[in-house]
Protein backbone atom coordinates (compact mmCIF):
# COMPACT_ATOMS: atom_id res chain seq x y z
CA UNK A 1 141.93 -108.39 -99.72
CA UNK A 2 141.72 -112.15 -100.11
CA UNK A 3 142.88 -114.02 -97.05
CA UNK A 4 142.99 -117.63 -96.11
CA UNK A 5 140.30 -117.76 -93.43
CA UNK A 6 141.03 -119.21 -90.04
CA UNK A 7 139.48 -119.65 -86.62
CA UNK A 8 141.32 -117.89 -83.82
CA UNK A 9 139.90 -119.58 -80.73
CA UNK A 10 140.59 -117.58 -77.57
CA UNK A 11 140.00 -119.43 -74.33
CA UNK A 12 140.59 -118.48 -70.71
CA UNK A 13 138.90 -117.60 -67.47
CA UNK A 14 136.32 -114.86 -67.21
CA UNK A 15 138.27 -111.61 -66.89
CA UNK A 16 141.44 -112.95 -68.49
CA UNK A 17 141.19 -110.52 -71.42
CA UNK A 18 139.70 -112.57 -74.26
CA UNK A 19 137.24 -109.93 -75.48
CA UNK A 20 139.75 -107.08 -75.14
CA UNK A 21 142.32 -109.01 -77.18
CA UNK A 22 139.69 -110.08 -79.74
CA UNK A 23 138.55 -106.49 -80.29
CA UNK A 24 142.09 -105.19 -80.77
CA UNK A 25 142.95 -108.07 -83.09
CA UNK A 26 139.80 -107.33 -85.07
CA UNK A 27 140.74 -103.64 -85.32
CA UNK A 28 144.26 -104.41 -86.56
CA UNK A 29 143.07 -106.95 -89.11
CA UNK A 30 140.40 -104.58 -90.45
CA UNK A 31 143.11 -101.90 -90.86
CA UNK A 32 144.89 -104.39 -93.14
CA UNK A 33 141.72 -104.96 -95.14
CA UNK A 34 141.18 -108.48 -93.77
CA UNK A 35 137.65 -109.85 -93.46
CA UNK A 36 137.15 -110.59 -89.77
CA UNK A 37 134.31 -111.36 -87.38
CA UNK A 38 134.22 -111.76 -83.59
CA UNK A 39 132.03 -114.42 -82.04
CA UNK A 40 131.81 -113.28 -78.41
CA UNK A 41 130.57 -115.94 -76.02
CA UNK A 42 128.14 -113.64 -74.20
CA UNK A 43 126.63 -112.31 -77.44
CA UNK A 44 126.33 -115.77 -79.01
CA UNK A 45 124.72 -117.11 -75.84
CA UNK A 46 122.11 -114.32 -76.02
CA UNK A 47 121.32 -114.70 -79.73
CA UNK A 48 122.26 -118.18 -80.95
CA UNK A 49 122.16 -120.21 -77.75
CA UNK A 50 119.27 -118.56 -75.93
CA UNK A 51 117.71 -120.92 -73.43
CA UNK A 52 120.89 -122.82 -72.67
CA UNK A 53 121.99 -122.98 -69.07
CA UNK A 54 125.45 -123.54 -67.65
CA UNK A 55 125.48 -127.33 -67.21
CA UNK A 56 128.40 -129.09 -68.88
CA UNK A 57 126.05 -130.32 -71.63
CA UNK A 58 124.69 -126.82 -72.30
CA UNK A 59 128.18 -125.30 -72.28
CA UNK A 60 129.35 -127.94 -74.74
CA UNK A 61 126.35 -127.23 -76.99
CA UNK A 62 127.13 -123.51 -76.91
CA UNK A 63 130.79 -124.14 -77.83
CA UNK A 64 129.79 -126.50 -80.65
CA UNK A 65 127.52 -123.76 -82.05
CA UNK A 66 130.27 -121.15 -81.83
CA UNK A 67 132.66 -123.60 -83.50
CA UNK A 68 130.20 -124.37 -86.28
CA UNK A 69 129.70 -120.69 -87.12
CA UNK A 70 133.43 -119.95 -86.85
CA UNK A 71 134.20 -122.81 -89.23
CA UNK A 72 131.61 -121.56 -91.75
CA UNK A 73 133.16 -118.10 -91.65
CA UNK A 74 136.75 -119.34 -91.92
CA UNK A 75 135.92 -121.64 -94.86
CA UNK A 76 134.72 -118.49 -96.64
CA UNK A 77 137.89 -116.45 -96.19
CA UNK A 78 137.00 -114.74 -92.91
CA UNK A 79 139.22 -114.69 -89.84
CA UNK A 80 136.73 -115.78 -87.16
CA UNK A 81 137.82 -114.76 -83.68
CA UNK A 82 136.03 -116.43 -80.80
CA UNK A 83 135.98 -115.01 -77.29
CA UNK A 84 134.40 -117.64 -75.08
CA UNK A 85 135.59 -119.22 -71.84
CA UNK A 86 135.19 -122.72 -73.35
CA UNK A 87 136.37 -124.33 -70.13
CA UNK A 88 136.55 -127.98 -71.19
CA UNK A 89 139.52 -129.23 -73.20
CA UNK A 90 137.59 -132.12 -74.82
CA UNK A 91 135.04 -129.84 -76.51
CA UNK A 92 137.76 -127.44 -77.67
CA UNK A 93 139.59 -130.44 -79.13
CA UNK A 94 136.36 -131.56 -80.82
CA UNK A 95 135.93 -128.12 -82.41
CA UNK A 96 139.61 -128.12 -83.45
CA UNK A 97 139.19 -131.51 -85.13
CA UNK A 98 136.25 -130.19 -87.18
CA UNK A 99 137.95 -126.94 -88.20
CA UNK A 100 140.49 -126.87 -91.00
CA UNK A 101 142.50 -123.83 -89.90
CA UNK A 102 142.32 -123.58 -86.10
CA UNK A 103 144.59 -121.52 -83.88
CA UNK A 104 144.06 -121.91 -80.16
CA UNK A 105 145.00 -118.85 -78.09
CA UNK A 106 145.19 -119.38 -74.36
CA UNK A 107 144.48 -116.04 -72.70
CA UNK A 108 146.14 -116.85 -69.40
CA UNK A 109 145.84 -114.91 -66.16
CA UNK A 110 145.87 -116.07 -62.55
CA UNK A 111 142.46 -116.42 -60.93
CA UNK A 112 143.16 -113.57 -58.49
CA UNK A 113 143.96 -111.22 -61.40
CA UNK A 114 140.74 -112.22 -63.18
CA UNK A 115 138.78 -111.62 -59.98
CA UNK A 116 140.34 -108.15 -59.59
CA UNK A 117 139.18 -107.26 -63.13
CA UNK A 118 135.59 -108.45 -62.57
CA UNK A 119 133.43 -105.36 -63.00
CA UNK A 120 130.18 -107.39 -62.93
CA UNK A 121 130.96 -108.95 -59.53
CA UNK A 122 130.41 -112.49 -60.83
CA UNK A 123 133.36 -114.00 -58.97
CA UNK A 124 132.20 -112.45 -55.67
CA UNK A 125 128.71 -113.87 -56.25
CA UNK A 126 130.19 -117.29 -57.02
CA UNK A 127 132.37 -117.21 -53.91
CA UNK A 128 129.30 -116.22 -51.85
CA UNK A 129 127.41 -119.22 -53.25
CA UNK A 130 124.94 -117.05 -55.19
CA UNK A 131 126.13 -118.51 -58.52
CA UNK A 132 126.74 -122.25 -58.83
CA UNK A 133 128.99 -123.90 -61.40
CA UNK A 134 131.12 -120.80 -62.01
CA UNK A 135 134.27 -121.56 -64.00
CA UNK A 136 137.37 -121.25 -61.87
CA UNK A 137 135.47 -121.29 -58.58
CA UNK A 138 133.34 -124.44 -58.34
CA UNK A 139 133.57 -125.62 -61.94
CA UNK A 140 136.91 -126.47 -63.55
CA UNK A 141 138.80 -124.63 -66.26
CA UNK A 142 140.98 -127.06 -68.18
CA UNK A 143 144.03 -125.29 -69.59
CA UNK A 144 144.90 -126.05 -73.22
CA UNK A 145 147.44 -128.84 -73.60
CA UNK A 146 149.19 -127.26 -76.60
CA UNK A 147 147.83 -123.84 -77.54
CA UNK A 148 149.50 -122.28 -80.56
CA UNK A 149 149.67 -118.92 -78.76
CA UNK A 150 149.74 -118.15 -75.03
CA UNK A 151 148.96 -114.58 -73.96
CA UNK A 152 149.90 -113.98 -70.33
CA UNK A 153 147.76 -110.94 -69.68
CA UNK A 154 149.10 -110.36 -66.18
CA UNK A 155 152.62 -109.91 -67.63
CA UNK A 156 152.02 -108.36 -71.06
CA UNK A 157 149.85 -105.59 -72.44
CA UNK A 158 147.13 -105.94 -75.08
CA UNK A 159 149.47 -104.84 -77.90
CA UNK A 160 152.01 -107.54 -76.98
CA UNK A 161 149.32 -110.22 -76.81
CA UNK A 162 147.80 -109.22 -80.15
CA UNK A 163 151.25 -109.07 -81.77
CA UNK A 164 151.76 -112.75 -80.88
CA UNK A 165 148.49 -113.71 -82.59
CA UNK A 166 149.19 -111.58 -85.66
CA UNK A 167 152.64 -113.16 -85.95
CA UNK A 168 151.08 -116.64 -85.85
CA UNK A 169 148.50 -115.70 -88.50
CA UNK A 170 151.31 -114.34 -90.70
CA UNK A 171 153.54 -117.38 -90.08
CA UNK A 172 150.75 -119.70 -91.21
CA UNK A 173 150.00 -117.58 -94.28
CA UNK A 174 146.46 -116.68 -93.18
CA UNK A 175 147.23 -112.99 -93.55
CA UNK A 176 150.00 -111.25 -95.46
CA UNK A 177 153.01 -110.04 -93.54
CA UNK A 178 152.75 -106.38 -92.55
CA UNK A 179 155.20 -105.16 -95.23
CA UNK A 180 153.30 -107.05 -97.93
CA UNK A 181 149.98 -105.67 -96.64
CA UNK A 182 151.27 -102.09 -97.00
CA UNK A 183 152.89 -102.56 -100.43
């Protein structure tokens, strides 16, 4: 199926639900025959951004790389879904400016909810001072000023969050509406 590619940029605190939402969105789009690829922040950092630390400069470099790859994919008819904290508004805005079809999705959850979901114990380590510069603890997370979609994962389930994103993709004509996809 030919689609008009786009970049679906999910942003939010660690544990907010970005990867979970990205995976379900990917599954639903594949069921419709849409070309889709997830660019997960942890996986990209391991493979494309190896050697980068967590300074603001290194984080910005990592986000620029993710944005560059997402833009390449979306220009070629792929829905590129990113799942990266991308804590700084200015670098997200920079990526948006360089991407033709950009949809920002704020995966929003209160810090205490994100901490309760933390299976790796990263928040506890950050609070104990074992990890420095951890987003949401001693490094800022700058909420999007005008995200196209806001998923409040403490108040809605994965299906509801994904439905919002699918509706936005349909509204913009990036994917056919469900009825048209079935016909």
